[in-house]
């Protein structure tokens, strides 16, 4: 259920409309350009294709009705109904997660607490890559900023794909 659109919780019968309306609903969005680089690395695609190849040839799954598509679907679609009505009460930003989390805690009357920093897509090398690094004495690559993955073509494609996210949530490339 983690990849359902907000509207699908009711339409698929997971919750009744009246109850959905009563609950405080919140979400966190992420910079679309950074989000796509994270997806590329999380899937391990950086080990077998360039980011450019991913965007130009491997980005869109064959069907929009797959979990793979839900991973890259614009965030706007998750939060708005077909008429463009926002279905959640609060939209926080991943880039200021703690601040948004504190806001949510105050809204639902629970004690604020510090969120742990856990990076599930930390780009962990495979065993073979670890052995190669030991033998070659290569320095660990410094993580690259998301902007370094883009060229003019990929920037245009991704900006177009996520135009509603960028406009709605106020993101600017490089910020």
N, C-alpha and C. Protein backbone atom coordinates (compact mmCIF):
# COMPACT_ATOMS: atom_id res chain seq x y z
N UNK A 1 0.82 -1.20 0.00
CA UNK A 1 0.00 0.00 0.00
C UNK A 1 0.86 1.26 0.00
N UNK A 2 2.17 1.14 0.08
CA UNK A 2 3.02 2.32 0.16
C UNK A 2 3.03 3.14 -1.12
N UNK A 3 2.67 2.54 -2.23
CA UNK A 3 2.73 3.26 -3.50
C UNK A 3 1.35 3.54 -4.08
N UNK A 4 0.37 3.69 -3.20
CA UNK A 4 -0.96 4.06 -3.67
C UNK A 4 -1.08 5.58 -3.77
N UNK A 5 -1.87 6.03 -4.74
CA UNK A 5 -2.22 7.44 -4.79
C UNK A 5 -3.16 7.71 -3.61
N UNK A 6 -3.18 8.94 -3.12
CA UNK A 6 -4.05 9.27 -1.99
C UNK A 6 -5.50 8.91 -2.31
N UNK A 7 -5.93 9.15 -3.53
CA UNK A 7 -7.32 8.86 -3.92
C UNK A 7 -7.62 7.36 -3.92
N UNK A 8 -6.59 6.53 -4.11
CA UNK A 8 -6.81 5.09 -4.19
C UNK A 8 -7.07 4.45 -2.83
N UNK A 9 -6.66 5.07 -1.76
CA UNK A 9 -6.94 4.49 -0.44
C UNK A 9 -8.45 4.34 -0.24
N UNK A 10 -9.20 5.31 -0.71
CA UNK A 10 -10.66 5.25 -0.61
C UNK A 10 -11.24 4.41 -1.75
N UNK A 11 -10.82 4.69 -2.97
CA UNK A 11 -11.42 4.00 -4.13
C UNK A 11 -11.17 2.50 -4.13
N UNK A 12 -10.07 2.05 -3.53
CA UNK A 12 -9.79 0.61 -3.45
C UNK A 12 -10.32 -0.02 -2.17
N UNK A 13 -11.01 0.76 -1.34
CA UNK A 13 -11.66 0.22 -0.16
C UNK A 13 -10.79 0.03 1.06
N UNK A 14 -9.63 0.66 1.11
CA UNK A 14 -8.76 0.53 2.28
C UNK A 14 -9.23 1.38 3.45
N UNK A 15 -10.00 2.42 3.14
CA UNK A 15 -10.52 3.30 4.17
C UNK A 15 -11.80 3.96 3.63
N UNK A 16 -12.73 4.20 4.53
CA UNK A 16 -13.98 4.85 4.12
C UNK A 16 -13.74 6.35 3.94
N UNK A 17 -14.48 6.96 3.03
CA UNK A 17 -14.31 8.38 2.73
C UNK A 17 -14.44 9.26 3.97
N UNK A 18 -15.44 8.98 4.83
CA UNK A 18 -15.64 9.81 6.03
C UNK A 18 -14.44 9.74 6.96
N UNK A 19 -13.89 8.56 7.11
CA UNK A 19 -12.73 8.39 7.98
C UNK A 19 -11.50 9.08 7.35
N UNK A 20 -11.35 8.91 6.06
CA UNK A 20 -10.25 9.56 5.34
C UNK A 20 -10.32 11.07 5.55
N UNK A 21 -11.50 11.63 5.46
CA UNK A 21 -11.69 13.07 5.63
C UNK A 21 -11.34 13.53 7.04
N UNK A 22 -11.59 12.70 8.04
CA UNK A 22 -11.33 13.06 9.44
C UNK A 22 -9.85 13.04 9.80
N UNK A 23 -9.10 12.15 9.19
CA UNK A 23 -7.69 11.98 9.53
C UNK A 23 -6.85 13.17 9.07
N UNK A 24 -5.78 13.42 9.82
CA UNK A 24 -4.77 14.38 9.39
C UNK A 24 -3.84 13.62 8.45
N UNK A 25 -3.81 14.03 7.21
CA UNK A 25 -3.03 13.34 6.19
C UNK A 25 -1.82 14.20 5.82
N UNK A 26 -0.66 13.58 5.79
CA UNK A 26 0.55 14.33 5.48
C UNK A 26 1.46 13.50 4.59
N UNK A 27 2.37 14.19 3.95
CA UNK A 27 3.35 13.54 3.10
C UNK A 27 4.59 14.40 3.02
N UNK A 28 5.65 13.82 2.50
CA UNK A 28 6.87 14.56 2.23
C UNK A 28 7.25 14.35 0.78
N UNK A 29 7.55 15.43 0.10
CA UNK A 29 7.97 15.37 -1.29
C UNK A 29 9.47 15.62 -1.36
N UNK A 30 10.03 15.30 -2.51
CA UNK A 30 11.47 15.46 -2.69
C UNK A 30 11.74 16.15 -4.02
N UNK A 31 12.82 16.88 -4.08
CA UNK A 31 13.28 17.50 -5.32
C UNK A 31 13.28 16.43 -6.41
N UNK A 32 12.56 16.68 -7.48
CA UNK A 32 12.37 15.66 -8.52
C UNK A 32 13.67 15.24 -9.20
N UNK A 33 14.56 16.19 -9.42
CA UNK A 33 15.83 15.85 -10.07
C UNK A 33 16.68 14.97 -9.15
N UNK A 34 16.72 15.31 -7.87
CA UNK A 34 17.48 14.50 -6.90
C UNK A 34 16.80 13.15 -6.70
N UNK A 35 15.49 13.15 -6.69
CA UNK A 35 14.72 11.91 -6.50
C UNK A 35 15.03 10.91 -7.62
N UNK A 36 15.13 11.38 -8.85
CA UNK A 36 15.39 10.47 -9.96
C UNK A 36 16.81 9.92 -9.91
N UNK A 37 17.77 10.74 -9.53
CA UNK A 37 19.14 10.25 -9.38
C UNK A 37 19.18 9.19 -8.27
N UNK A 38 18.46 9.43 -7.19
CA UNK A 38 18.40 8.46 -6.09
C UNK A 38 17.79 7.14 -6.57
N UNK A 39 16.75 7.21 -7.36
CA UNK A 39 16.11 6.00 -7.91
C UNK A 39 17.09 5.24 -8.80
N UNK A 40 17.79 5.95 -9.63
CA UNK A 40 18.80 5.37 -10.53
C UNK A 40 19.86 4.61 -9.73
N UNK A 41 20.35 5.22 -8.67
CA UNK A 41 21.37 4.59 -7.84
C UNK A 41 20.79 3.47 -6.99
N UNK A 42 19.59 3.69 -6.43
CA UNK A 42 18.95 2.69 -5.58
C UNK A 42 18.74 1.38 -6.33
N UNK A 43 18.34 1.48 -7.60
CA UNK A 43 18.12 0.27 -8.40
C UNK A 43 19.42 -0.36 -8.89
N UNK A 44 20.55 0.27 -8.59
CA UNK A 44 21.84 -0.27 -9.02
C UNK A 44 22.11 -0.06 -10.49
N UNK A 45 21.35 0.80 -11.14
CA UNK A 45 21.51 1.02 -12.57
C UNK A 45 22.82 1.71 -12.91
N UNK A 46 23.37 2.44 -11.94
CA UNK A 46 24.65 3.12 -12.15
C UNK A 46 25.79 2.13 -12.41
N UNK A 47 25.57 0.87 -12.09
CA UNK A 47 26.59 -0.16 -12.30
C UNK A 47 26.57 -0.71 -13.72
N UNK A 48 25.47 -0.43 -14.47
CA UNK A 48 25.39 -1.02 -15.80
C UNK A 48 24.98 -0.06 -16.91
N UNK A 49 24.61 1.17 -16.56
CA UNK A 49 24.30 2.14 -17.62
C UNK A 49 24.52 3.55 -17.09
N UNK A 50 24.74 4.44 -18.00
CA UNK A 50 24.93 5.84 -17.62
C UNK A 50 23.56 6.43 -17.24
N UNK A 51 23.61 7.52 -16.50
CA UNK A 51 22.37 8.21 -16.14
C UNK A 51 21.67 8.68 -17.42
N UNK A 52 22.43 9.16 -18.37
CA UNK A 52 21.87 9.61 -19.64
C UNK A 52 21.11 8.47 -20.33
N UNK A 53 21.71 7.30 -20.38
CA UNK A 53 21.05 6.14 -21.00
C UNK A 53 19.79 5.76 -20.23
N UNK A 54 19.85 5.84 -18.93
CA UNK A 54 18.67 5.56 -18.09
C UNK A 54 17.53 6.51 -18.45
N UNK A 55 17.81 7.79 -18.51
CA UNK A 55 16.76 8.78 -18.80
C UNK A 55 16.24 8.63 -20.22
N UNK A 56 17.14 8.47 -21.18
CA UNK A 56 16.73 8.42 -22.59
C UNK A 56 16.09 7.09 -22.98
N UNK A 57 16.52 5.98 -22.36
CA UNK A 57 16.07 4.67 -22.83
C UNK A 57 15.45 3.76 -21.78
N UNK A 58 15.69 4.00 -20.50
CA UNK A 58 15.23 3.05 -19.50
C UNK A 58 14.33 3.63 -18.43
N UNK A 59 13.99 4.89 -18.55
CA UNK A 59 13.25 5.57 -17.49
C UNK A 59 11.82 5.09 -17.37
N UNK A 60 11.09 5.12 -18.45
CA UNK A 60 9.66 4.81 -18.38
C UNK A 60 9.40 3.32 -18.55
N UNK A 61 8.80 2.69 -17.54
CA UNK A 61 8.44 1.28 -17.66
C UNK A 61 7.42 1.07 -18.78
N UNK A 62 7.29 -0.14 -19.21
CA UNK A 62 6.37 -0.46 -20.31
C UNK A 62 4.92 -0.15 -19.95
N UNK A 63 4.57 -0.26 -18.69
CA UNK A 63 3.20 -0.03 -18.26
C UNK A 63 3.17 0.93 -17.08
N UNK A 64 2.20 1.85 -17.07
CA UNK A 64 2.07 2.74 -15.91
C UNK A 64 1.43 2.06 -14.70
N UNK A 65 1.03 0.82 -14.84
CA UNK A 65 0.35 0.11 -13.76
C UNK A 65 1.29 -0.86 -13.05
N UNK A 66 2.56 -0.45 -12.89
CA UNK A 66 3.55 -1.30 -12.24
C UNK A 66 4.17 -0.58 -11.06
N UNK A 67 4.77 -1.34 -10.18
CA UNK A 67 5.50 -0.76 -9.05
C UNK A 67 6.66 0.07 -9.56
N UNK A 68 7.30 -0.38 -10.65
CA UNK A 68 8.42 0.38 -11.22
C UNK A 68 7.97 1.76 -11.66
N UNK A 69 6.78 1.87 -12.23
CA UNK A 69 6.28 3.18 -12.63
C UNK A 69 5.96 4.03 -11.41
N UNK A 70 5.38 3.43 -10.40
CA UNK A 70 5.04 4.19 -9.19
C UNK A 70 6.29 4.81 -8.56
N UNK A 71 7.44 4.19 -8.76
CA UNK A 71 8.68 4.74 -8.20
C UNK A 71 9.11 6.02 -8.88
N UNK A 72 8.68 6.22 -10.12
CA UNK A 72 9.08 7.44 -10.84
C UNK A 72 7.89 8.34 -11.16
N UNK A 73 6.71 7.92 -10.78
CA UNK A 73 5.52 8.73 -11.06
C UNK A 73 5.62 10.09 -10.38
N UNK A 74 5.16 11.14 -11.06
CA UNK A 74 5.20 12.46 -10.42
C UNK A 74 4.49 12.44 -9.07
N UNK A 75 5.09 13.11 -8.10
CA UNK A 75 4.54 13.15 -6.75
C UNK A 75 3.19 13.86 -6.72
N UNK A 76 3.02 14.81 -7.61
CA UNK A 76 1.74 15.53 -7.73
C UNK A 76 0.58 14.54 -7.86
N UNK A 77 0.77 13.51 -8.66
CA UNK A 77 -0.29 12.51 -8.90
C UNK A 77 -0.68 11.76 -7.64
N UNK A 78 0.27 11.57 -6.74
CA UNK A 78 -0.02 10.86 -5.50
C UNK A 78 -0.89 11.68 -4.56
N UNK A 79 -0.80 12.99 -4.67
CA UNK A 79 -1.39 13.87 -3.67
C UNK A 79 -2.65 14.59 -4.10
N UNK A 80 -2.93 14.61 -5.38
CA UNK A 80 -4.07 15.35 -5.92
C UNK A 80 -5.03 14.40 -6.61
N UNK A 81 -6.31 14.76 -6.60
CA UNK A 81 -7.26 13.96 -7.36
C UNK A 81 -7.22 14.40 -8.82
N UNK A 82 -8.04 13.78 -9.65
CA UNK A 82 -8.04 14.06 -11.09
C UNK A 82 -8.42 15.51 -11.40
N UNK A 83 -9.12 16.17 -10.47
CA UNK A 83 -9.50 17.58 -10.65
C UNK A 83 -8.43 18.55 -10.16
N UNK A 84 -7.36 18.02 -9.59
CA UNK A 84 -6.29 18.87 -9.09
C UNK A 84 -6.45 19.29 -7.64
N UNK A 85 -7.41 18.70 -6.93
CA UNK A 85 -7.63 19.02 -5.53
C UNK A 85 -6.61 18.27 -4.67
N UNK A 86 -5.92 19.00 -3.81
CA UNK A 86 -4.95 18.40 -2.89
C UNK A 86 -5.70 17.58 -1.84
N UNK A 87 -5.30 16.33 -1.68
CA UNK A 87 -6.03 15.41 -0.79
C UNK A 87 -5.37 15.22 0.58
N UNK A 88 -4.24 15.86 0.79
CA UNK A 88 -3.57 15.75 2.08
C UNK A 88 -3.57 17.11 2.76
N UNK A 89 -3.37 17.10 4.07
CA UNK A 89 -3.45 18.32 4.86
C UNK A 89 -2.12 19.05 4.98
N UNK A 90 -1.03 18.34 4.82
CA UNK A 90 0.29 18.95 4.96
C UNK A 90 1.25 18.28 4.00
N UNK A 91 2.02 19.11 3.29
CA UNK A 91 3.08 18.63 2.41
C UNK A 91 4.39 19.20 2.91
N UNK A 92 5.23 18.32 3.44
CA UNK A 92 6.57 18.73 3.88
C UNK A 92 7.57 18.40 2.79
N UNK A 93 8.77 18.90 2.98
CA UNK A 93 9.83 18.63 2.01
C UNK A 93 10.91 17.76 2.64
N UNK A 94 11.38 16.80 1.87
CA UNK A 94 12.44 15.90 2.29
C UNK A 94 13.68 16.69 2.72
N UNK A 95 13.92 17.80 2.04
CA UNK A 95 15.10 18.61 2.31
C UNK A 95 15.03 19.31 3.68
N UNK A 96 13.86 19.40 4.26
CA UNK A 96 13.70 19.94 5.62
C UNK A 96 12.81 18.97 6.41
N UNK A 97 13.21 17.71 6.38
CA UNK A 97 12.42 16.63 6.95
C UNK A 97 12.16 16.81 8.44
N UNK A 98 13.18 17.15 9.21
CA UNK A 98 12.99 17.28 10.66
C UNK A 98 11.98 18.39 10.98
N UNK A 99 12.11 19.50 10.30
CA UNK A 99 11.18 20.63 10.52
C UNK A 99 9.74 20.21 10.20
N UNK A 100 9.57 19.52 9.07
CA UNK A 100 8.24 19.05 8.71
C UNK A 100 7.71 18.01 9.67
N UNK A 101 8.59 17.12 10.12
CA UNK A 101 8.19 16.09 11.08
C UNK A 101 7.75 16.73 12.39
N UNK A 102 8.47 17.76 12.82
CA UNK A 102 8.07 18.48 14.04
C UNK A 102 6.68 19.08 13.89
N UNK A 103 6.39 19.61 12.72
CA UNK A 103 5.07 20.19 12.45
C UNK A 103 3.99 19.10 12.55
N UNK A 104 4.26 17.96 11.94
CA UNK A 104 3.30 16.85 11.99
C UNK A 104 3.07 16.41 13.43
N UNK A 105 4.14 16.27 14.19
CA UNK A 105 4.01 15.87 15.61
C UNK A 105 3.11 16.84 16.36
N UNK A 106 3.29 18.14 16.14
CA UNK A 106 2.46 19.11 16.85
C UNK A 106 1.01 19.03 16.41
N UNK A 107 0.77 18.76 15.13
CA UNK A 107 -0.61 18.66 14.62
C UNK A 107 -1.35 17.45 15.19
N UNK A 108 -0.63 16.36 15.40
CA UNK A 108 -1.30 15.14 15.90
C UNK A 108 -1.05 14.93 17.39
N UNK A 109 -0.51 15.95 18.02
CA UNK A 109 -0.31 15.95 19.47
C UNK A 109 0.53 14.79 19.99
N UNK A 110 1.67 14.57 19.34
CA UNK A 110 2.64 13.61 19.88
C UNK A 110 3.94 14.36 20.14
N UNK A 111 4.74 13.81 21.03
CA UNK A 111 5.99 14.46 21.40
C UNK A 111 6.95 14.48 20.22
N UNK A 112 7.54 15.64 20.00
CA UNK A 112 8.55 15.74 18.95
C UNK A 112 9.77 14.91 19.33
N UNK A 113 10.42 14.35 18.34
CA UNK A 113 11.64 13.61 18.58
C UNK A 113 12.55 13.78 17.37
N UNK A 114 13.82 13.55 17.58
CA UNK A 114 14.79 13.70 16.50
C UNK A 114 14.75 12.45 15.63
N UNK A 115 14.61 12.67 14.33
CA UNK A 115 14.61 11.55 13.39
C UNK A 115 16.03 11.03 13.20
N UNK A 116 16.20 9.72 13.15
CA UNK A 116 17.53 9.18 12.86
C UNK A 116 17.84 9.37 11.37
N UNK A 117 19.10 9.45 11.02
CA UNK A 117 19.49 9.57 9.61
C UNK A 117 19.93 8.20 9.12
N UNK A 118 19.08 7.60 8.33
CA UNK A 118 19.36 6.27 7.77
C UNK A 118 19.25 6.39 6.27
N UNK A 119 20.30 6.02 5.56
CA UNK A 119 20.30 6.15 4.11
C UNK A 119 20.21 4.77 3.49
N UNK A 120 19.02 4.42 2.99
CA UNK A 120 18.83 3.08 2.44
C UNK A 120 19.40 2.93 1.04
N UNK A 121 19.68 4.03 0.38
CA UNK A 121 20.27 3.94 -0.96
C UNK A 121 21.68 4.52 -0.93
N UNK A 122 22.47 4.01 0.00
CA UNK A 122 23.80 4.56 0.21
C UNK A 122 24.81 4.09 -0.82
N UNK A 123 24.32 3.48 -1.90
CA UNK A 123 25.20 3.11 -3.00
C UNK A 123 26.23 2.08 -2.55
N UNK A 124 25.82 1.13 -1.73
CA UNK A 124 26.74 0.13 -1.20
C UNK A 124 27.34 -0.70 -2.32
N UNK A 125 28.67 -0.85 -2.31
CA UNK A 125 29.30 -1.66 -3.35
C UNK A 125 29.03 -3.15 -3.15
N UNK A 126 29.08 -3.88 -4.24
CA UNK A 126 28.93 -5.34 -4.17
C UNK A 126 30.22 -5.93 -3.60
N UNK A 127 30.20 -7.20 -3.25
CA UNK A 127 31.39 -7.89 -2.74
C UNK A 127 32.52 -7.80 -3.76
N UNK A 128 32.20 -8.03 -5.03
CA UNK A 128 33.23 -7.99 -6.08
C UNK A 128 33.84 -6.60 -6.17
N UNK A 129 32.99 -5.56 -6.10
CA UNK A 129 33.50 -4.19 -6.15
C UNK A 129 34.39 -3.90 -4.94
N UNK A 130 34.02 -4.41 -3.76
CA UNK A 130 34.84 -4.22 -2.57
C UNK A 130 36.22 -4.86 -2.75
N UNK A 131 36.25 -6.08 -3.30
CA UNK A 131 37.52 -6.78 -3.52
C UNK A 131 38.37 -6.03 -4.54
N UNK A 132 37.75 -5.58 -5.63
CA UNK A 132 38.50 -4.81 -6.64
C UNK A 132 39.10 -3.56 -6.03
N UNK A 133 38.36 -2.89 -5.17
CA UNK A 133 38.87 -1.67 -4.54
C UNK A 133 40.04 -1.99 -3.62
N UNK A 134 39.96 -3.11 -2.90
CA UNK A 134 41.07 -3.50 -2.03
C UNK A 134 42.32 -3.78 -2.84
N UNK A 135 42.17 -4.46 -3.96
CA UNK A 135 43.31 -4.82 -4.79
C UNK A 135 43.88 -3.63 -5.55
N UNK A 136 43.01 -2.73 -5.95
CA UNK A 136 43.50 -1.61 -6.75
C UNK A 136 43.87 -0.40 -5.90
N UNK A 137 43.56 -0.45 -4.62
CA UNK A 137 43.85 0.65 -3.68
C UNK A 137 43.23 1.97 -4.14
N UNK A 138 42.11 1.88 -4.83
CA UNK A 138 41.41 3.09 -5.27
C UNK A 138 40.79 3.80 -4.08
N UNK A 139 40.78 5.11 -4.15
CA UNK A 139 40.09 5.88 -3.13
C UNK A 139 38.59 5.72 -3.33
N UNK A 140 37.85 5.79 -2.25
CA UNK A 140 36.39 5.76 -2.31
C UNK A 140 35.91 6.99 -3.09
N UNK A 141 35.06 6.78 -4.08
CA UNK A 141 34.52 7.90 -4.85
C UNK A 141 33.69 8.79 -3.96
N UNK A 142 33.89 10.09 -4.13
CA UNK A 142 33.12 11.07 -3.38
C UNK A 142 31.72 11.13 -3.99
N UNK A 143 30.68 11.12 -3.15
CA UNK A 143 29.32 11.20 -3.69
C UNK A 143 29.16 12.48 -4.52
N UNK A 144 28.47 12.36 -5.65
CA UNK A 144 28.26 13.49 -6.54
C UNK A 144 26.93 14.16 -6.24
N UNK A 145 26.89 15.46 -6.40
CA UNK A 145 25.64 16.21 -6.27
C UNK A 145 24.74 15.83 -7.43
N UNK A 146 23.45 15.79 -7.21
CA UNK A 146 22.52 15.36 -8.25
C UNK A 146 22.67 16.15 -9.55
N UNK A 147 23.04 17.41 -9.47
CA UNK A 147 23.16 18.24 -10.68
C UNK A 147 24.24 17.73 -11.62
N UNK A 148 25.23 17.02 -11.09
CA UNK A 148 26.34 16.52 -11.91
C UNK A 148 25.92 15.37 -12.83
N UNK A 149 24.77 14.81 -12.62
CA UNK A 149 24.30 13.70 -13.45
C UNK A 149 23.63 14.18 -14.74
N UNK A 150 23.23 15.43 -14.76
CA UNK A 150 22.41 15.94 -15.85
C UNK A 150 23.21 16.66 -16.92
N UNK A 151 22.76 16.47 -18.16
CA UNK A 151 23.21 17.30 -19.27
C UNK A 151 21.96 18.03 -19.79
N UNK A 152 22.08 18.81 -20.83
CA UNK A 152 20.93 19.59 -21.32
C UNK A 152 19.76 18.71 -21.71
N UNK A 153 20.02 17.59 -22.37
CA UNK A 153 18.95 16.69 -22.82
C UNK A 153 18.22 16.05 -21.65
N UNK A 154 18.97 15.49 -20.71
CA UNK A 154 18.32 14.80 -19.59
C UNK A 154 17.61 15.80 -18.69
N UNK A 155 18.19 16.99 -18.55
CA UNK A 155 17.54 18.03 -17.75
C UNK A 155 16.20 18.41 -18.35
N UNK A 156 16.15 18.56 -19.67
CA UNK A 156 14.89 18.92 -20.34
C UNK A 156 13.84 17.83 -20.18
N UNK A 157 14.23 16.58 -20.35
CA UNK A 157 13.29 15.45 -20.25
C UNK A 157 12.73 15.34 -18.83
N UNK A 158 13.60 15.37 -17.86
CA UNK A 158 13.18 15.21 -16.46
C UNK A 158 12.36 16.41 -16.00
N UNK A 159 12.77 17.60 -16.42
CA UNK A 159 12.01 18.81 -16.07
C UNK A 159 10.61 18.77 -16.66
N UNK A 160 10.48 18.23 -17.85
CA UNK A 160 9.16 18.10 -18.48
C UNK A 160 8.31 17.05 -17.77
N UNK A 161 8.92 15.90 -17.49
CA UNK A 161 8.21 14.81 -16.81
C UNK A 161 7.66 15.27 -15.46
N UNK A 162 8.44 16.04 -14.74
CA UNK A 162 8.07 16.46 -13.39
C UNK A 162 7.67 17.94 -13.31
N UNK A 163 7.19 18.50 -14.40
CA UNK A 163 6.84 19.93 -14.43
C UNK A 163 5.83 20.31 -13.35
N UNK A 164 4.82 19.48 -13.13
CA UNK A 164 3.82 19.79 -12.09
C UNK A 164 4.44 19.74 -10.70
N UNK A 165 5.30 18.78 -10.45
CA UNK A 165 5.98 18.69 -9.15
C UNK A 165 6.83 19.94 -8.92
N UNK A 166 7.61 20.29 -9.92
CA UNK A 166 8.53 21.42 -9.81
C UNK A 166 7.76 22.70 -9.53
N UNK A 167 6.69 22.92 -10.27
CA UNK A 167 5.90 24.14 -10.09
C UNK A 167 5.13 24.12 -8.78
N UNK A 168 4.48 23.01 -8.48
CA UNK A 168 3.63 22.92 -7.29
C UNK A 168 4.42 23.02 -5.99
N UNK A 169 5.57 22.37 -5.95
CA UNK A 169 6.34 22.30 -4.70
C UNK A 169 7.50 23.29 -4.66
N UNK A 170 7.65 24.09 -5.72
CA UNK A 170 8.61 25.20 -5.71
C UNK A 170 10.07 24.80 -5.79
N UNK A 171 10.37 23.75 -6.53
CA UNK A 171 11.78 23.35 -6.66
C UNK A 171 12.46 24.08 -7.81
N UNK A 172 13.76 24.29 -7.64
CA UNK A 172 14.60 24.92 -8.66
C UNK A 172 15.82 24.03 -8.81
N UNK A 173 16.19 23.74 -10.05
CA UNK A 173 17.35 22.89 -10.30
C UNK A 173 18.60 23.51 -9.67
N UNK A 174 19.30 22.73 -8.89
CA UNK A 174 20.53 23.17 -8.26
C UNK A 174 20.38 23.70 -6.84
N UNK A 175 19.15 23.93 -6.41
CA UNK A 175 18.94 24.44 -5.05
C UNK A 175 18.61 23.31 -4.11
